[in-house]
């Protein structure tokens, strides 16, 4: 009889051990859950596009390659008018407003109002693209000037094409010096934490050597209006 009592006592002891283990695991899971809950939900990390070699950097640093990519993307979207510049330009200003400083937003709004009043936007189709051979990878130091850890000047060599209906009315090869600042104030609408502060000087007309044609180089170039 004592043999069965010993077996029952052993099983009861084992059950108590299992219960203690389950309680410990539950407590550990709660602690880990609390740690995960207190960590940041979003973390923006700028990674250089060329990963053939290793890279070690502080997570809050923004490399020049990321600044250039951000600037070109926003500027290209701003100048993309697929059907009618009068409506497309206004829509782009509204959609991209989190990526402009207040001063730049006011400048672009004034530019829109002026162009609209002079008839430069009505039924205009516009698109810009990077001139081949003049991107960031071709000359990084010339494309991005690091002013401080919060300020940069990006130089975009751009071909801007405009059409009225099916007729091309402008092709301009222009260098745009654009100021970029760190503006990490609204991560929901601007996860990049960067903003364009418009121009660091007047856009300049550029010439591309004949061995670097941007395509249809024989067309007449008109104006440098951004």
Protein backbone atom coordinates (compact mmCIF):
# COMPACT_ATOMS: atom_id res chain seq x y z
CA UNK A 1 0.00 0.00 0.00
CA UNK A 2 2.84 2.35 0.87
CA UNK A 3 4.21 1.75 -2.62
CA UNK A 4 1.08 3.25 -4.21
CA UNK A 5 1.10 6.15 -1.77
CA UNK A 6 4.70 6.92 -2.69
CA UNK A 7 3.80 6.83 -6.41
CA UNK A 8 0.86 9.19 -5.88
CA UNK A 9 3.05 11.57 -3.87
CA UNK A 10 5.67 11.46 -6.62
CA UNK A 11 3.09 12.31 -9.29
CA UNK A 12 1.69 15.14 -7.19
CA UNK A 13 5.18 16.54 -6.73
CA UNK A 14 5.80 16.32 -10.48
CA UNK A 15 2.52 18.15 -11.19
CA UNK A 16 3.51 20.93 -8.77
CA UNK A 17 6.87 21.22 -10.56
CA UNK A 18 5.12 21.52 -13.92
CA UNK A 19 2.78 24.17 -12.57
CA UNK A 20 5.70 26.18 -11.24
CA UNK A 21 7.43 25.87 -14.65
CA UNK A 22 4.30 27.03 -16.47
CA UNK A 23 3.95 30.01 -14.12
CA UNK A 24 7.62 30.92 -14.65
CA UNK A 25 7.21 30.72 -18.44
CA UNK A 26 4.08 32.86 -18.26
CA UNK A 27 5.89 35.47 -16.16
CA UNK A 28 8.82 35.48 -18.62
CA UNK A 29 6.42 35.91 -21.55
CA UNK A 30 4.77 38.88 -19.82
CA UNK A 31 8.15 40.52 -19.18
CA UNK A 32 9.21 40.02 -22.83
CA UNK A 33 5.84 41.29 -24.03
CA UNK A 34 6.23 44.41 -21.93
CA UNK A 35 9.68 44.98 -23.41
CA UNK A 36 8.40 44.64 -26.95
CA UNK A 37 5.50 46.96 -26.20
CA UNK A 38 7.81 49.69 -24.93
CA UNK A 39 10.13 49.59 -27.97
CA UNK A 40 9.61 52.06 -30.87
CA UNK A 41 7.01 50.87 -33.34
CA UNK A 42 8.85 52.35 -36.34
CA UNK A 43 12.53 52.99 -36.91
CA UNK A 44 13.85 54.61 -40.09
CA UNK A 45 17.32 53.40 -41.03
CA UNK A 46 19.08 54.78 -44.11
CA UNK A 47 21.07 52.02 -45.82
CA UNK A 48 23.51 52.80 -48.66
CA UNK A 49 22.30 51.30 -51.95
CA UNK A 50 25.64 49.65 -52.74
CA UNK A 51 25.96 46.68 -50.37
CA UNK A 52 28.88 44.94 -52.07
CA UNK A 53 30.99 45.98 -49.08
CA UNK A 54 30.04 46.13 -45.44
CA UNK A 55 28.62 49.25 -43.87
CA UNK A 56 28.62 50.33 -40.24
CA UNK A 57 26.91 53.56 -39.21
CA UNK A 58 24.82 55.16 -36.50
CA UNK A 59 21.14 54.58 -37.22
CA UNK A 60 20.25 58.28 -37.08
CA UNK A 61 22.83 59.31 -39.70
CA UNK A 62 21.56 60.00 -43.23
CA UNK A 63 24.11 59.10 -45.92
CA UNK A 64 24.39 61.40 -48.96
CA UNK A 65 23.12 58.64 -51.26
CA UNK A 66 19.83 58.55 -49.37
CA UNK A 67 19.55 62.35 -49.47
CA UNK A 68 20.06 62.33 -53.24
CA UNK A 69 17.56 59.52 -53.81
CA UNK A 70 14.94 61.29 -51.66
CA UNK A 71 15.47 64.62 -53.43
CA UNK A 72 15.26 63.20 -56.91
CA UNK A 73 12.16 61.14 -56.12
CA UNK A 74 10.20 64.04 -54.61
CA UNK A 75 11.32 66.52 -57.28
CA UNK A 76 10.42 64.12 -60.08
CA UNK A 77 6.98 63.48 -58.62
CA UNK A 78 6.40 67.22 -58.21
CA UNK A 79 7.15 67.79 -61.89
CA UNK A 80 5.12 64.87 -63.22
CA UNK A 81 2.04 66.26 -64.97
CA UNK A 82 0.50 63.32 -66.85
CA UNK A 83 -2.51 65.09 -68.40
CA UNK A 84 -3.01 68.74 -67.42
CA UNK A 85 -0.49 70.82 -65.50
CA UNK A 86 -3.16 73.12 -64.16
CA UNK A 87 -4.69 70.26 -62.18
CA UNK A 88 -1.68 67.96 -61.82
CA UNK A 89 0.70 70.58 -60.39
CA UNK A 90 -1.85 71.61 -57.75
CA UNK A 91 -2.54 67.98 -56.84
CA UNK A 92 1.19 67.26 -56.52
CA UNK A 93 1.70 70.27 -54.25
CA UNK A 94 -1.02 69.02 -51.94
CA UNK A 95 0.09 65.36 -51.94
CA UNK A 96 3.78 66.16 -51.43
CA UNK A 97 3.36 69.02 -48.95
CA UNK A 98 4.81 66.99 -46.01
CA UNK A 99 8.10 66.83 -47.95
CA UNK A 100 8.53 70.63 -48.23
CA UNK A 101 9.45 73.20 -45.62
CA UNK A 102 6.78 75.88 -45.05
CA UNK A 103 8.89 78.46 -46.92
CA UNK A 104 9.36 76.11 -49.88
CA UNK A 105 5.67 75.27 -49.92
CA UNK A 106 4.82 78.98 -50.14
CA UNK A 107 7.40 79.46 -52.91
CA UNK A 108 5.98 76.60 -54.96
CA UNK A 109 2.43 77.83 -54.44
CA UNK A 110 3.46 81.27 -55.75
CA UNK A 111 5.15 79.56 -58.71
CA UNK A 112 1.94 77.65 -59.43
CA UNK A 113 -0.19 80.80 -59.21
CA UNK A 114 2.16 82.67 -61.59
CA UNK A 115 2.30 79.86 -64.14
CA UNK A 116 -1.44 79.44 -64.03
CA UNK A 117 -2.06 83.15 -64.56
CA UNK A 118 0.26 83.20 -67.60
CA UNK A 119 -1.28 80.08 -69.15
CA UNK A 120 1.84 77.93 -68.79
CA UNK A 121 -0.01 75.04 -67.18
CA UNK A 122 -3.19 74.59 -69.19
CA UNK A 123 -3.15 71.24 -71.01
CA UNK A 124 0.59 70.90 -70.37
CA UNK A 125 2.13 67.45 -69.94
CA UNK A 126 5.49 67.45 -68.16
CA UNK A 127 8.04 64.91 -67.02
CA UNK A 128 11.66 65.06 -65.89
CA UNK A 129 14.40 62.46 -65.83
CA UNK A 130 18.02 62.23 -64.81
CA UNK A 131 20.50 62.87 -67.61
CA UNK A 132 22.37 59.59 -68.28
CA UNK A 133 25.91 59.71 -66.91
CA UNK A 134 25.09 62.53 -64.50
CA UNK A 135 23.60 60.62 -61.58
CA UNK A 136 24.82 60.27 -58.03
CA UNK A 137 27.01 57.26 -58.74
CA UNK A 138 28.92 59.07 -61.48
CA UNK A 139 30.23 61.79 -59.15
CA UNK A 140 28.91 61.58 -55.57
CA UNK A 141 30.84 64.55 -54.19
CA UNK A 142 29.55 66.84 -56.96
CA UNK A 143 25.94 65.73 -56.53
CA UNK A 144 25.57 66.12 -52.76
CA UNK A 145 27.28 68.80 -50.67
CA UNK A 146 27.14 68.05 -46.95
CA UNK A 147 26.66 71.38 -45.16
CA UNK A 148 26.03 69.84 -41.73
CA UNK A 149 24.47 66.73 -40.27
CA UNK A 150 21.08 68.38 -40.86
CA UNK A 151 21.61 70.31 -44.11
CA UNK A 152 22.59 69.32 -47.63
CA UNK A 153 22.69 70.82 -51.12
CA UNK A 154 21.76 68.38 -53.89
CA UNK A 155 22.54 69.18 -57.52
CA UNK A 156 20.24 67.43 -59.96
CA UNK A 157 21.14 67.40 -63.65
CA UNK A 158 17.73 67.03 -65.21
CA UNK A 159 16.13 66.91 -68.63
CA UNK A 160 12.66 68.45 -68.46
CA UNK A 161 10.23 67.70 -71.30
CA UNK A 162 6.92 69.47 -71.81
CA UNK A 163 4.16 68.72 -74.31
CA UNK A 164 1.00 70.51 -75.36
CA UNK A 165 -1.17 67.79 -76.74
CA UNK A 166 1.08 65.66 -78.94
CA UNK A 167 3.52 68.48 -79.69
CA UNK A 168 6.71 68.87 -77.68
CA UNK A 169 7.09 72.52 -76.70
CA UNK A 170 10.12 72.37 -74.42
CA UNK A 171 13.19 70.32 -73.65
CA UNK A 172 15.50 71.95 -71.13
CA UNK A 173 18.71 70.53 -69.69
CA UNK A 174 18.99 72.17 -66.30
CA UNK A 175 21.00 71.84 -63.11
CA UNK A 176 18.82 72.36 -60.05
CA UNK A 177 20.65 73.16 -56.77
CA UNK A 178 18.18 72.05 -54.12
CA UNK A 179 18.48 72.57 -50.38
CA UNK A 180 17.50 69.63 -48.20
CA UNK A 181 17.01 69.80 -44.44
CA UNK A 182 16.26 67.30 -41.73
CA UNK A 183 12.63 67.73 -40.66
CA UNK A 184 11.68 64.76 -38.54
CA UNK A 185 8.45 66.22 -37.14
CA UNK A 186 5.71 64.07 -38.71
CA UNK A 187 6.79 60.44 -39.15
CA UNK A 188 3.26 59.40 -40.17
CA UNK A 189 3.16 61.65 -43.24
CA UNK A 190 6.91 61.93 -43.82
CA UNK A 191 8.72 58.76 -42.73
CA UNK A 192 11.99 59.93 -44.36
CA UNK A 193 12.48 62.79 -41.89
CA UNK A 194 13.80 65.00 -44.73
CA UNK A 195 12.30 67.98 -46.56
CA UNK A 196 13.11 70.07 -49.61
CA UNK A 197 13.84 73.73 -48.86
CA UNK A 198 13.66 74.72 -52.53
CA UNK A 199 16.58 76.21 -54.43
CA UNK A 200 20.07 77.14 -53.27
CA UNK A 201 20.41 79.51 -56.20
CA UNK A 202 18.93 79.89 -59.65
CA UNK A 203 18.66 76.77 -61.86
CA UNK A 204 21.35 76.82 -64.55
CA UNK A 205 21.24 75.78 -68.19
CA UNK A 206 23.79 73.03 -68.90
CA UNK A 207 25.26 71.52 -72.02
CA UNK A 208 25.81 67.80 -72.44
CA UNK A 209 28.77 66.68 -74.60
CA UNK A 210 27.87 64.93 -77.83
CA UNK A 211 29.09 61.61 -76.43
CA UNK A 212 26.53 61.90 -73.59
CA UNK A 213 23.27 62.47 -75.49
CA UNK A 214 20.18 62.62 -73.28
CA UNK A 215 18.10 61.32 -76.19
CA UNK A 216 16.84 63.28 -79.21
CA UNK A 217 19.64 65.77 -78.67
CA UNK A 218 18.87 67.47 -81.97
CA UNK A 219 15.69 69.07 -80.59
CA UNK A 220 15.81 72.76 -79.82
CA UNK A 221 16.15 73.55 -76.13
CA UNK A 222 13.91 76.19 -74.68
CA UNK A 223 14.24 77.99 -71.37
CA UNK A 224 15.37 76.92 -67.96
CA UNK A 225 12.14 77.61 -66.12
CA UNK A 226 11.98 74.95 -63.36
